[in-house]
Amino acid sequence: MPHPQALHLHRDQNRRLGIERIVLATGDRRDVAELVVKGLSIDAVRAELTADQKVLVVLSERKNGPVMMVGDGVNDAPALAAADLGLAMGAKGAAASAETADIVLLVDQLDRVVPAIEIARRSRRIALESVFAGIGLSVAGMVAASLGFLTPVQGALFQELIDVAVILNALRALTEPGASRRARW
């Protein structure tokens, strides 16, 4: 079971990310689980669970929406596979959970989950911007070329410019939001 400090969860931050419900599903004893979550924004605690029972928790939580399962042990692997998104804590976790999960965090710190979600959402948004901008500009170029406003060579050069522009836009995903533009050596 993670250290209580690692479970420092903020309900407002979770809601902003679209996380509506947090359920602790653990194989540990109920009294230990209750002690760990005391004072935290946990909606439900399911303790003393087997691997099969964790899968049932994941499946039953689907009535509330998509389910992300975070786990690190062999007994978490089936639930990670059953979840819509399985996230394994990989530094000290079992290989079975890391192999089953969709995402593996290389550090065993739950406080890295929220930044990982934020990075994934930002990266997806940037990728979609690049796709739509590229398609839109390419269609505009094809229309212009079909109407005789661009020669074939100009159209080819225009397409290369579009490609470079969307690649440069996509590279924004590698930077931190709001980071300074100075070089980091």
N, C-alpha and C. Protein backbone atom coordinates (compact mmCIF):
# COMPACT_ATOMS: atom_id res chain seq x y z
N MET A 1 0.85 -1.17 0.00
CA MET A 1 0.00 0.00 0.00
C MET A 1 0.90 1.23 0.00
N PRO A 2 0.54 2.27 -0.79
CA PRO A 2 1.35 3.47 -0.85
C PRO A 2 1.38 4.21 0.48
N HIS A 3 2.44 4.96 0.68
CA HIS A 3 2.56 5.79 1.87
C HIS A 3 1.45 6.84 1.86
N PRO A 4 0.87 7.17 3.01
CA PRO A 4 -0.23 8.13 3.04
C PRO A 4 0.10 9.47 2.39
N GLN A 5 1.32 9.95 2.52
CA GLN A 5 1.68 11.22 1.90
C GLN A 5 1.58 11.14 0.38
N ALA A 6 1.80 9.97 -0.17
CA ALA A 6 1.73 9.81 -1.63
C ALA A 6 0.29 9.89 -2.12
N LEU A 7 -0.66 9.71 -1.23
CA LEU A 7 -2.07 9.74 -1.61
C LEU A 7 -2.70 11.12 -1.40
N HIS A 8 -1.89 12.14 -1.29
CA HIS A 8 -2.41 13.49 -1.07
C HIS A 8 -3.19 13.93 -2.32
N LEU A 9 -4.48 13.81 -2.25
CA LEU A 9 -5.34 14.07 -3.40
C LEU A 9 -6.25 15.27 -3.12
N HIS A 10 -6.37 16.14 -4.08
CA HIS A 10 -7.22 17.31 -3.95
C HIS A 10 -8.46 17.13 -4.81
N ARG A 11 -9.62 17.19 -4.17
CA ARG A 11 -10.88 16.99 -4.88
C ARG A 11 -11.05 17.99 -6.02
N ASP A 12 -10.72 19.27 -5.81
CA ASP A 12 -10.88 20.27 -6.86
C ASP A 12 -9.99 19.95 -8.06
N GLN A 13 -8.76 19.57 -7.79
CA GLN A 13 -7.84 19.23 -8.88
C GLN A 13 -8.33 18.00 -9.63
N ASN A 14 -8.84 17.04 -8.91
CA ASN A 14 -9.38 15.84 -9.55
C ASN A 14 -10.57 16.17 -10.43
N ARG A 15 -11.46 17.01 -9.95
CA ARG A 15 -12.64 17.38 -10.73
C ARG A 15 -12.22 18.13 -12.00
N ARG A 16 -11.21 18.99 -11.89
CA ARG A 16 -10.72 19.73 -13.05
C ARG A 16 -10.19 18.77 -14.11
N LEU A 17 -9.62 17.68 -13.67
CA LEU A 17 -9.09 16.68 -14.59
C LEU A 17 -10.16 15.71 -15.06
N GLY A 18 -11.37 15.82 -14.53
CA GLY A 18 -12.44 14.93 -14.93
C GLY A 18 -12.52 13.66 -14.09
N ILE A 19 -11.78 13.61 -13.01
CA ILE A 19 -11.81 12.44 -12.12
C ILE A 19 -12.97 12.66 -11.15
N GLU A 20 -14.01 11.87 -11.32
CA GLU A 20 -15.22 12.06 -10.52
C GLU A 20 -15.23 11.23 -9.24
N ARG A 21 -14.51 10.12 -9.25
CA ARG A 21 -14.61 9.19 -8.12
C ARG A 21 -13.28 8.50 -7.93
N ILE A 22 -12.84 8.39 -6.67
CA ILE A 22 -11.60 7.68 -6.34
C ILE A 22 -11.94 6.57 -5.37
N VAL A 23 -11.59 5.36 -5.75
CA VAL A 23 -11.85 4.19 -4.93
C VAL A 23 -10.52 3.50 -4.64
N LEU A 24 -10.24 3.24 -3.39
CA LEU A 24 -9.05 2.47 -3.02
C LEU A 24 -9.45 1.01 -2.97
N ALA A 25 -8.87 0.21 -3.84
CA ALA A 25 -9.10 -1.24 -3.86
C ALA A 25 -7.79 -1.90 -3.49
N THR A 26 -7.75 -2.51 -2.32
CA THR A 26 -6.49 -3.04 -1.80
C THR A 26 -6.67 -4.44 -1.22
N GLY A 27 -5.58 -5.16 -1.21
CA GLY A 27 -5.58 -6.47 -0.58
C GLY A 27 -5.27 -6.38 0.90
N ASP A 28 -4.92 -5.19 1.36
CA ASP A 28 -4.60 -5.01 2.77
C ASP A 28 -5.84 -5.09 3.65
N ARG A 29 -5.60 -5.23 4.96
CA ARG A 29 -6.70 -5.29 5.92
C ARG A 29 -7.48 -3.98 5.92
N ARG A 30 -8.76 -4.06 6.24
CA ARG A 30 -9.63 -2.88 6.24
C ARG A 30 -9.13 -1.80 7.20
N ASP A 31 -8.71 -2.18 8.41
CA ASP A 31 -8.26 -1.17 9.37
C ASP A 31 -7.03 -0.42 8.86
N VAL A 32 -6.13 -1.11 8.18
CA VAL A 32 -4.95 -0.45 7.60
C VAL A 32 -5.37 0.49 6.48
N ALA A 33 -6.27 0.03 5.61
CA ALA A 33 -6.73 0.85 4.50
C ALA A 33 -7.45 2.09 5.00
N GLU A 34 -8.30 1.95 6.02
CA GLU A 34 -9.03 3.09 6.58
C GLU A 34 -8.05 4.10 7.19
N LEU A 35 -7.02 3.61 7.83
CA LEU A 35 -6.02 4.49 8.43
C LEU A 35 -5.27 5.28 7.36
N VAL A 36 -4.94 4.62 6.27
CA VAL A 36 -4.19 5.26 5.19
C VAL A 36 -5.00 6.38 4.54
N VAL A 37 -6.29 6.18 4.35
CA VAL A 37 -7.10 7.17 3.63
C VAL A 37 -7.74 8.22 4.53
N LYS A 38 -7.51 8.12 5.83
CA LYS A 38 -8.11 9.08 6.75
C LYS A 38 -7.71 10.50 6.36
N GLY A 39 -8.72 11.35 6.15
CA GLY A 39 -8.49 12.74 5.80
C GLY A 39 -8.23 13.00 4.32
N LEU A 40 -8.30 11.97 3.51
CA LEU A 40 -8.07 12.13 2.07
C LEU A 40 -9.40 12.13 1.32
N SER A 41 -9.35 12.61 0.10
CA SER A 41 -10.55 12.70 -0.75
C SER A 41 -10.82 11.37 -1.45
N ILE A 42 -11.07 10.34 -0.69
CA ILE A 42 -11.35 9.01 -1.22
C ILE A 42 -12.85 8.77 -1.08
N ASP A 43 -13.49 8.35 -2.18
CA ASP A 43 -14.94 8.15 -2.17
C ASP A 43 -15.35 6.81 -1.59
N ALA A 44 -14.49 5.79 -1.74
CA ALA A 44 -14.83 4.47 -1.21
C ALA A 44 -13.55 3.68 -0.97
N VAL A 45 -13.64 2.77 -0.02
CA VAL A 45 -12.52 1.89 0.29
C VAL A 45 -13.01 0.46 0.20
N ARG A 46 -12.32 -0.34 -0.60
CA ARG A 46 -12.59 -1.78 -0.70
C ARG A 46 -11.30 -2.47 -0.27
N ALA A 47 -11.37 -3.20 0.82
CA ALA A 47 -10.17 -3.81 1.40
C ALA A 47 -10.26 -5.33 1.39
N GLU A 48 -9.13 -5.95 1.67
CA GLU A 48 -9.00 -7.41 1.75
C GLU A 48 -9.47 -8.09 0.47
N LEU A 49 -9.09 -7.50 -0.67
CA LEU A 49 -9.54 -8.00 -1.97
C LEU A 49 -8.51 -8.94 -2.59
N THR A 50 -9.02 -9.93 -3.28
CA THR A 50 -8.18 -10.78 -4.11
C THR A 50 -8.08 -10.12 -5.49
N ALA A 51 -7.25 -10.67 -6.35
CA ALA A 51 -7.11 -10.13 -7.70
C ALA A 51 -8.45 -10.16 -8.44
N ASP A 52 -9.19 -11.23 -8.31
CA ASP A 52 -10.50 -11.34 -8.97
C ASP A 52 -11.48 -10.29 -8.45
N GLN A 53 -11.44 -10.05 -7.15
CA GLN A 53 -12.34 -9.05 -6.58
C GLN A 53 -11.99 -7.64 -7.04
N LYS A 54 -10.69 -7.37 -7.26
CA LYS A 54 -10.29 -6.06 -7.79
C LYS A 54 -10.84 -5.87 -9.20
N VAL A 55 -10.86 -6.94 -9.98
CA VAL A 55 -11.44 -6.86 -11.33
C VAL A 55 -12.93 -6.52 -11.21
N LEU A 56 -13.62 -7.14 -10.28
CA LEU A 56 -15.04 -6.85 -10.08
C LEU A 56 -15.27 -5.40 -9.67
N VAL A 57 -14.36 -4.84 -8.85
CA VAL A 57 -14.47 -3.43 -8.46
C VAL A 57 -14.34 -2.56 -9.71
N VAL A 58 -13.36 -2.85 -10.55
CA VAL A 58 -13.17 -2.08 -11.78
C VAL A 58 -14.42 -2.16 -12.65
N LEU A 59 -14.94 -3.37 -12.84
CA LEU A 59 -16.12 -3.54 -13.68
C LEU A 59 -17.35 -2.85 -13.10
N SER A 60 -17.52 -2.90 -11.78
CA SER A 60 -18.68 -2.25 -11.16
C SER A 60 -18.56 -0.73 -11.20
N GLU A 61 -17.35 -0.20 -11.18
CA GLU A 61 -17.16 1.26 -11.23
C GLU A 61 -17.42 1.82 -12.63
N ARG A 62 -17.48 0.96 -13.63
CA ARG A 62 -17.76 1.44 -14.99
C ARG A 62 -19.13 2.09 -15.10
N LYS A 63 -20.03 1.78 -14.19
CA LYS A 63 -21.35 2.43 -14.24
C LYS A 63 -21.22 3.93 -13.98
N ASN A 64 -20.12 4.34 -13.36
CA ASN A 64 -19.87 5.76 -13.08
C ASN A 64 -19.08 6.44 -14.19
N GLY A 65 -18.59 5.68 -15.16
CA GLY A 65 -17.80 6.25 -16.25
C GLY A 65 -16.55 5.43 -16.49
N PRO A 66 -15.67 5.93 -17.36
CA PRO A 66 -14.43 5.21 -17.64
C PRO A 66 -13.60 5.05 -16.36
N VAL A 67 -12.86 3.94 -16.29
CA VAL A 67 -12.11 3.61 -15.08
C VAL A 67 -10.62 3.58 -15.38
N MET A 68 -9.87 4.32 -14.54
CA MET A 68 -8.42 4.22 -14.56
C MET A 68 -8.01 3.48 -13.31
N MET A 69 -7.22 2.44 -13.48
CA MET A 69 -6.73 1.64 -12.36
C MET A 69 -5.25 1.92 -12.21
N VAL A 70 -4.82 2.18 -10.98
CA VAL A 70 -3.40 2.37 -10.68
C VAL A 70 -3.00 1.22 -9.77
N GLY A 71 -1.95 0.49 -10.15
CA GLY A 71 -1.51 -0.64 -9.33
C GLY A 71 -0.04 -0.92 -9.51
N ASP A 72 0.48 -1.77 -8.61
CA ASP A 72 1.91 -2.08 -8.69
C ASP A 72 2.25 -3.54 -8.43
N GLY A 73 1.28 -4.36 -8.13
CA GLY A 73 1.58 -5.74 -7.77
C GLY A 73 1.04 -6.74 -8.77
N VAL A 74 1.45 -7.98 -8.58
CA VAL A 74 0.97 -9.07 -9.43
C VAL A 74 -0.54 -9.19 -9.32
N ASN A 75 -1.08 -9.00 -8.09
CA ASN A 75 -2.53 -9.12 -7.91
C ASN A 75 -3.29 -7.94 -8.54
N ASP A 76 -2.59 -6.90 -8.99
CA ASP A 76 -3.24 -5.78 -9.67
C ASP A 76 -3.33 -5.98 -11.18
N ALA A 77 -2.53 -6.88 -11.72
CA ALA A 77 -2.44 -7.06 -13.17
C ALA A 77 -3.80 -7.33 -13.83
N PRO A 78 -4.63 -8.24 -13.31
CA PRO A 78 -5.93 -8.47 -13.96
C PRO A 78 -6.82 -7.23 -13.95
N ALA A 79 -6.82 -6.46 -12.85
CA ALA A 79 -7.63 -5.25 -12.78
C ALA A 79 -7.08 -4.17 -13.71
N LEU A 80 -5.76 -4.09 -13.85
CA LEU A 80 -5.16 -3.14 -14.79
C LEU A 80 -5.60 -3.46 -16.21
N ALA A 81 -5.67 -4.74 -16.53
CA ALA A 81 -6.11 -5.16 -17.86
C ALA A 81 -7.60 -4.89 -18.08
N ALA A 82 -8.40 -5.00 -17.03
CA ALA A 82 -9.84 -4.80 -17.15
C ALA A 82 -10.22 -3.33 -17.22
N ALA A 83 -9.37 -2.45 -16.72
CA ALA A 83 -9.68 -1.03 -16.68
C ALA A 83 -9.60 -0.42 -18.08
N ASP A 84 -10.28 0.71 -18.25
CA ASP A 84 -10.19 1.44 -19.51
C ASP A 84 -8.78 1.97 -19.70
N LEU A 85 -8.13 2.34 -18.61
CA LEU A 85 -6.74 2.79 -18.63
C LEU A 85 -6.05 2.20 -17.43
N GLY A 86 -5.04 1.38 -17.68
CA GLY A 86 -4.26 0.78 -16.61
C GLY A 86 -2.94 1.50 -16.47
N LEU A 87 -2.62 1.93 -15.24
CA LEU A 87 -1.39 2.65 -14.98
C LEU A 87 -0.62 1.90 -13.91
N ALA A 88 0.56 1.40 -14.26
CA ALA A 88 1.37 0.64 -13.32
C ALA A 88 2.46 1.53 -12.74
N MET A 89 2.68 1.37 -11.46
CA MET A 89 3.80 2.03 -10.80
C MET A 89 4.97 1.08 -10.99
N GLY A 90 5.94 1.46 -11.83
CA GLY A 90 6.90 0.50 -12.32
C GLY A 90 8.23 0.39 -11.63
N ALA A 91 8.63 1.33 -10.77
CA ALA A 91 9.98 1.29 -10.21
C ALA A 91 10.20 0.04 -9.36
N LYS A 92 9.27 -0.24 -8.47
CA LYS A 92 9.41 -1.40 -7.59
C LYS A 92 8.28 -2.40 -7.78
N GLY A 93 7.39 -2.10 -8.70
CA GLY A 93 6.23 -2.95 -8.93
C GLY A 93 6.60 -4.23 -9.64
N ALA A 94 5.63 -5.11 -9.72
CA ALA A 94 5.82 -6.40 -10.36
C ALA A 94 5.83 -6.25 -11.87
N ALA A 95 6.60 -7.09 -12.52
CA ALA A 95 6.68 -7.07 -13.98
C ALA A 95 5.32 -7.35 -14.60
N ALA A 96 4.52 -8.20 -13.96
CA ALA A 96 3.20 -8.54 -14.51
C ALA A 96 2.31 -7.31 -14.61
N SER A 97 2.35 -6.44 -13.61
CA SER A 97 1.51 -5.24 -13.67
C SER A 97 2.04 -4.28 -14.72
N ALA A 98 3.35 -4.15 -14.85
CA ALA A 98 3.93 -3.26 -15.85
C ALA A 98 3.64 -3.75 -17.26
N GLU A 99 3.66 -5.06 -17.47
CA GLU A 99 3.39 -5.62 -18.80
C GLU A 99 1.92 -5.52 -19.17
N THR A 100 1.04 -5.54 -18.19
CA THR A 100 -0.39 -5.51 -18.44
C THR A 100 -0.92 -4.10 -18.63
N ALA A 101 -0.31 -3.14 -17.98
CA ALA A 101 -0.80 -1.76 -17.98
C ALA A 101 -0.62 -1.08 -19.33
N ASP A 102 -1.44 -0.06 -19.54
CA ASP A 102 -1.31 0.78 -20.74
C ASP A 102 -0.17 1.77 -20.57
N ILE A 103 0.05 2.22 -19.34
CA ILE A 103 1.06 3.22 -19.02
C ILE A 103 1.85 2.72 -17.82
N VAL A 104 3.15 2.97 -17.82
CA VAL A 104 3.99 2.61 -16.68
C VAL A 104 4.70 3.88 -16.21
N LEU A 105 4.46 4.25 -14.96
CA LEU A 105 5.22 5.34 -14.35
C LEU A 105 6.49 4.74 -13.80
N LEU A 106 7.61 5.33 -14.12
CA LEU A 106 8.89 4.76 -13.73
C LEU A 106 9.30 5.12 -12.31
N VAL A 107 8.47 5.88 -11.62
CA VAL A 107 8.70 6.18 -10.21
C VAL A 107 7.46 5.73 -9.44
N ASP A 108 7.67 5.27 -8.25
CA ASP A 108 6.55 4.81 -7.42
C ASP A 108 6.02 5.94 -6.56
N GLN A 109 5.49 6.98 -7.23
CA GLN A 109 4.94 8.12 -6.51
C GLN A 109 3.61 8.49 -7.13
N LEU A 110 2.55 8.36 -6.34
CA LEU A 110 1.22 8.68 -6.85
C LEU A 110 1.07 10.14 -7.22
N ASP A 111 1.87 11.01 -6.63
CA ASP A 111 1.75 12.43 -6.96
C ASP A 111 2.19 12.73 -8.39
N ARG A 112 2.74 11.75 -9.07
CA ARG A 112 3.12 11.92 -10.48
C ARG A 112 1.97 11.60 -11.43
N VAL A 113 0.89 11.02 -10.92
CA VAL A 113 -0.24 10.64 -11.77
C VAL A 113 -0.93 11.88 -12.35
N VAL A 114 -1.18 12.88 -11.52
CA VAL A 114 -1.88 14.09 -12.00
C VAL A 114 -1.05 14.79 -13.08
N PRO A 115 0.25 15.04 -12.86
CA PRO A 115 1.02 15.66 -13.95
C PRO A 115 1.05 14.78 -15.21
N ALA A 116 1.06 13.47 -15.06
CA ALA A 116 1.04 12.58 -16.22
C ALA A 116 -0.25 12.75 -17.01
N ILE A 117 -1.38 12.88 -16.32
CA ILE A 117 -2.66 13.10 -16.99
C ILE A 117 -2.64 14.45 -17.71
N GLU A 118 -2.12 15.47 -17.04
CA GLU A 118 -2.05 16.81 -17.65
C GLU A 118 -1.17 16.80 -18.89
N ILE A 119 -0.02 16.13 -18.82
CA ILE A 119 0.88 16.04 -19.98
C ILE A 119 0.21 15.30 -21.13
N ALA A 120 -0.47 14.21 -20.81
CA ALA A 120 -1.15 13.43 -21.86
C ALA A 120 -2.23 14.24 -22.54
N ARG A 121 -3.01 14.96 -21.75
CA ARG A 121 -4.09 15.78 -22.34
C ARG A 121 -3.53 16.92 -23.19
N ARG A 122 -2.47 17.56 -22.71
CA ARG A 122 -1.85 18.65 -23.48
C ARG A 122 -1.26 18.10 -24.77
N SER A 123 -0.59 16.95 -24.70
CA SER A 123 0.01 16.35 -25.89
C SER A 123 -1.06 15.98 -26.91
N ARG A 124 -2.17 15.45 -26.44
CA ARG A 124 -3.27 15.09 -27.34
C ARG A 124 -3.85 16.32 -28.02
N ARG A 125 -4.04 17.38 -27.23
CA ARG A 125 -4.57 18.62 -27.78
C ARG A 125 -3.65 19.19 -28.87
N ILE A 126 -2.35 19.19 -28.60
CA ILE A 126 -1.38 19.69 -29.57
C ILE A 126 -1.37 18.81 -30.82
N ALA A 127 -1.45 17.50 -30.64
CA ALA A 127 -1.47 16.59 -31.79
C ALA A 127 -2.70 16.84 -32.66
N LEU A 128 -3.86 17.01 -32.03
CA LEU A 128 -5.08 17.28 -32.80
C LEU A 128 -5.00 18.63 -33.52
N GLU A 129 -4.43 19.64 -32.85
CA GLU A 129 -4.22 20.93 -33.52
C GLU A 129 -3.39 20.75 -34.78
N SER A 130 -2.30 19.98 -34.66
CA SER A 130 -1.41 19.77 -35.80
C SER A 130 -2.12 19.02 -36.92
N VAL A 131 -2.89 18.01 -36.57
CA VAL A 131 -3.61 17.23 -37.58
C VAL A 131 -4.62 18.11 -38.32
N PHE A 132 -5.45 18.83 -37.57
CA PHE A 132 -6.48 19.66 -38.20
C PHE A 132 -5.88 20.81 -39.00
N ALA A 133 -4.82 21.43 -38.47
CA ALA A 133 -4.17 22.52 -39.22
C ALA A 133 -3.55 21.97 -40.50
N GLY A 134 -2.88 20.83 -40.40
CA GLY A 134 -2.26 20.24 -41.59
C GLY A 134 -3.28 19.86 -42.65
N ILE A 135 -4.35 19.22 -42.23
CA ILE A 135 -5.40 18.84 -43.18
C ILE A 135 -6.06 20.08 -43.78
N GLY A 136 -6.38 21.04 -42.93
CA GLY A 136 -7.04 22.25 -43.41
C GLY A 136 -6.19 23.02 -44.40
N LEU A 137 -4.91 23.21 -44.08
CA LEU A 137 -4.03 23.93 -45.00
C LEU A 137 -3.79 23.14 -46.28
N SER A 138 -3.69 21.82 -46.18
CA SER A 138 -3.50 20.99 -47.38
C SER A 138 -4.71 21.08 -48.29
N VAL A 139 -5.91 21.03 -47.73
CA VAL A 139 -7.12 21.16 -48.53
C VAL A 139 -7.16 22.54 -49.19
N ALA A 140 -6.81 23.57 -48.44
CA ALA A 140 -6.78 24.93 -49.01
C ALA A 140 -5.78 24.99 -50.17
N GLY A 141 -4.64 24.36 -49.99
CA GLY A 141 -3.64 24.34 -51.07
C GLY A 141 -4.14 23.59 -52.29
N MET A 142 -4.84 22.47 -52.06
CA MET A 142 -5.38 21.70 -53.20
C MET A 142 -6.44 22.50 -53.95
N VAL A 143 -7.29 23.19 -53.20
CA VAL A 143 -8.31 24.02 -53.84
C VAL A 143 -7.65 25.14 -54.64
N ALA A 144 -6.66 25.79 -54.03
CA ALA A 144 -5.95 26.87 -54.74
C ALA A 144 -5.27 26.33 -56.00
N ALA A 145 -4.66 25.15 -55.90
CA ALA A 145 -3.99 24.57 -57.07
C ALA A 145 -5.01 24.18 -58.14
N SER A 146 -6.15 23.62 -57.73
CA SER A 146 -7.15 23.20 -58.71
C SER A 146 -7.79 24.39 -59.43
N LEU A 147 -7.78 25.54 -58.77
CA LEU A 147 -8.32 26.75 -59.39
C LEU A 147 -7.25 27.52 -60.18
N GLY A 148 -6.04 26.98 -60.21
CA GLY A 148 -4.98 27.59 -61.00
C GLY A 148 -4.19 28.67 -60.29
N PHE A 149 -4.38 28.84 -58.99
CA PHE A 149 -3.65 29.87 -58.26
C PHE A 149 -2.24 29.42 -57.86
N LEU A 150 -1.99 28.12 -57.89
CA LEU A 150 -0.67 27.58 -57.55
C LEU A 150 -0.20 26.67 -58.68
N THR A 151 1.07 26.80 -59.04
CA THR A 151 1.66 25.86 -60.00
C THR A 151 2.00 24.59 -59.23
N PRO A 152 2.28 23.50 -59.92
CA PRO A 152 2.65 22.27 -59.22
C PRO A 152 3.86 22.45 -58.30
N VAL A 153 4.86 23.21 -58.73
CA VAL A 153 6.04 23.43 -57.89
C VAL A 153 5.66 24.25 -56.66
N GLN A 154 4.85 25.29 -56.85
CA GLN A 154 4.40 26.10 -55.71
C GLN A 154 3.57 25.26 -54.74
N GLY A 155 2.72 24.39 -55.29
CA GLY A 155 1.91 23.51 -54.45
C GLY A 155 2.78 22.56 -53.63
N ALA A 156 3.83 22.02 -54.26
CA ALA A 156 4.75 21.12 -53.55
C ALA A 156 5.49 21.87 -52.45
N LEU A 157 5.95 23.08 -52.74
CA LEU A 157 6.64 23.88 -51.73
C LEU A 157 5.69 24.27 -50.59
N PHE A 158 4.44 24.60 -50.95
CA PHE A 158 3.44 24.93 -49.95
C PHE A 158 3.20 23.74 -49.02
N GLN A 159 3.13 22.54 -49.60
CA GLN A 159 2.91 21.34 -48.79
C GLN A 159 4.09 21.10 -47.85
N GLU A 160 5.31 21.35 -48.32
CA GLU A 160 6.48 21.19 -47.45
C GLU A 160 6.44 22.19 -46.30
N LEU A 161 6.02 23.42 -46.58
CA LEU A 161 5.88 24.43 -45.52
C LEU A 161 4.84 24.00 -44.50
N ILE A 162 3.74 23.44 -44.98
CA ILE A 162 2.70 22.94 -44.08
C ILE A 162 3.27 21.85 -43.18
N ASP A 163 4.01 20.92 -43.77
CA ASP A 163 4.60 19.83 -43.00
C ASP A 163 5.53 20.35 -41.91
N VAL A 164 6.39 21.29 -42.27
CA VAL A 164 7.32 21.86 -41.30
C VAL A 164 6.55 22.59 -40.19
N ALA A 165 5.53 23.35 -40.57
CA ALA A 165 4.74 24.10 -39.58
C ALA A 165 4.06 23.17 -38.58
N VAL A 166 3.45 22.09 -39.05
CA VAL A 166 2.75 21.21 -38.11
C VAL A 166 3.74 20.40 -37.27
N ILE A 167 4.90 20.08 -37.82
CA ILE A 167 5.92 19.40 -37.01
C ILE A 167 6.43 20.33 -35.92
N LEU A 168 6.69 21.58 -36.26
CA LEU A 168 7.13 22.55 -35.25
C LEU A 168 6.05 22.75 -34.19
N ASN A 169 4.79 22.78 -34.60
CA ASN A 169 3.71 22.89 -33.63
C ASN A 169 3.67 21.67 -32.72
N ALA A 170 3.84 20.49 -33.28
CA ALA A 170 3.81 19.27 -32.48
C ALA A 170 4.97 19.21 -31.48
N LEU A 171 6.09 19.82 -31.82
CA LEU A 171 7.24 19.83 -30.91
C LEU A 171 6.96 20.62 -29.63
N ARG A 172 5.91 21.42 -29.62
CA ARG A 172 5.52 22.12 -28.39
C ARG A 172 5.20 21.14 -27.27
N ALA A 173 4.82 19.92 -27.63
CA ALA A 173 4.49 18.92 -26.61
C ALA A 173 5.70 18.56 -25.77
N LEU A 174 6.90 18.82 -26.28
CA LEU A 174 8.12 18.50 -25.54
C LEU A 174 8.48 19.55 -24.51
N THR A 175 7.83 20.69 -24.58
CA THR A 175 8.13 21.76 -23.63
C THR A 175 7.10 21.78 -22.52
N GLU A 176 7.50 22.33 -21.41
CA GLU A 176 6.57 22.48 -20.30
C GLU A 176 5.67 23.68 -20.58
N PRO A 177 4.41 23.60 -20.24
CA PRO A 177 3.54 24.75 -20.45
C PRO A 177 4.04 25.94 -19.63
N GLY A 178 4.14 27.09 -20.27
CA GLY A 178 4.58 28.29 -19.58
C GLY A 178 6.07 28.36 -19.33
N ALA A 179 6.83 27.36 -19.85
CA ALA A 179 8.28 27.37 -19.64
C ALA A 179 8.90 28.51 -20.44
N SER A 180 10.00 29.01 -19.94
CA SER A 180 10.67 30.10 -20.66
C SER A 180 11.24 29.57 -21.96
N ARG A 181 11.47 30.47 -22.87
CA ARG A 181 11.95 30.09 -24.20
C ARG A 181 13.47 29.96 -24.27
N ARG A 182 14.16 30.26 -23.16
CA ARG A 182 15.61 30.19 -23.21
C ARG A 182 16.08 28.75 -23.31
N ALA A 183 17.23 28.57 -23.88
CA ALA A 183 17.79 27.22 -24.06
C ALA A 183 18.15 26.63 -22.70
N ARG A 184 17.95 25.34 -22.56
CA ARG A 184 18.32 24.64 -21.32
C ARG A 184 19.47 23.71 -21.64
N TRP A 185 20.59 23.98 -21.07
CA TRP A 185 21.78 23.17 -21.36
C TRP A 185 22.05 22.21 -20.27
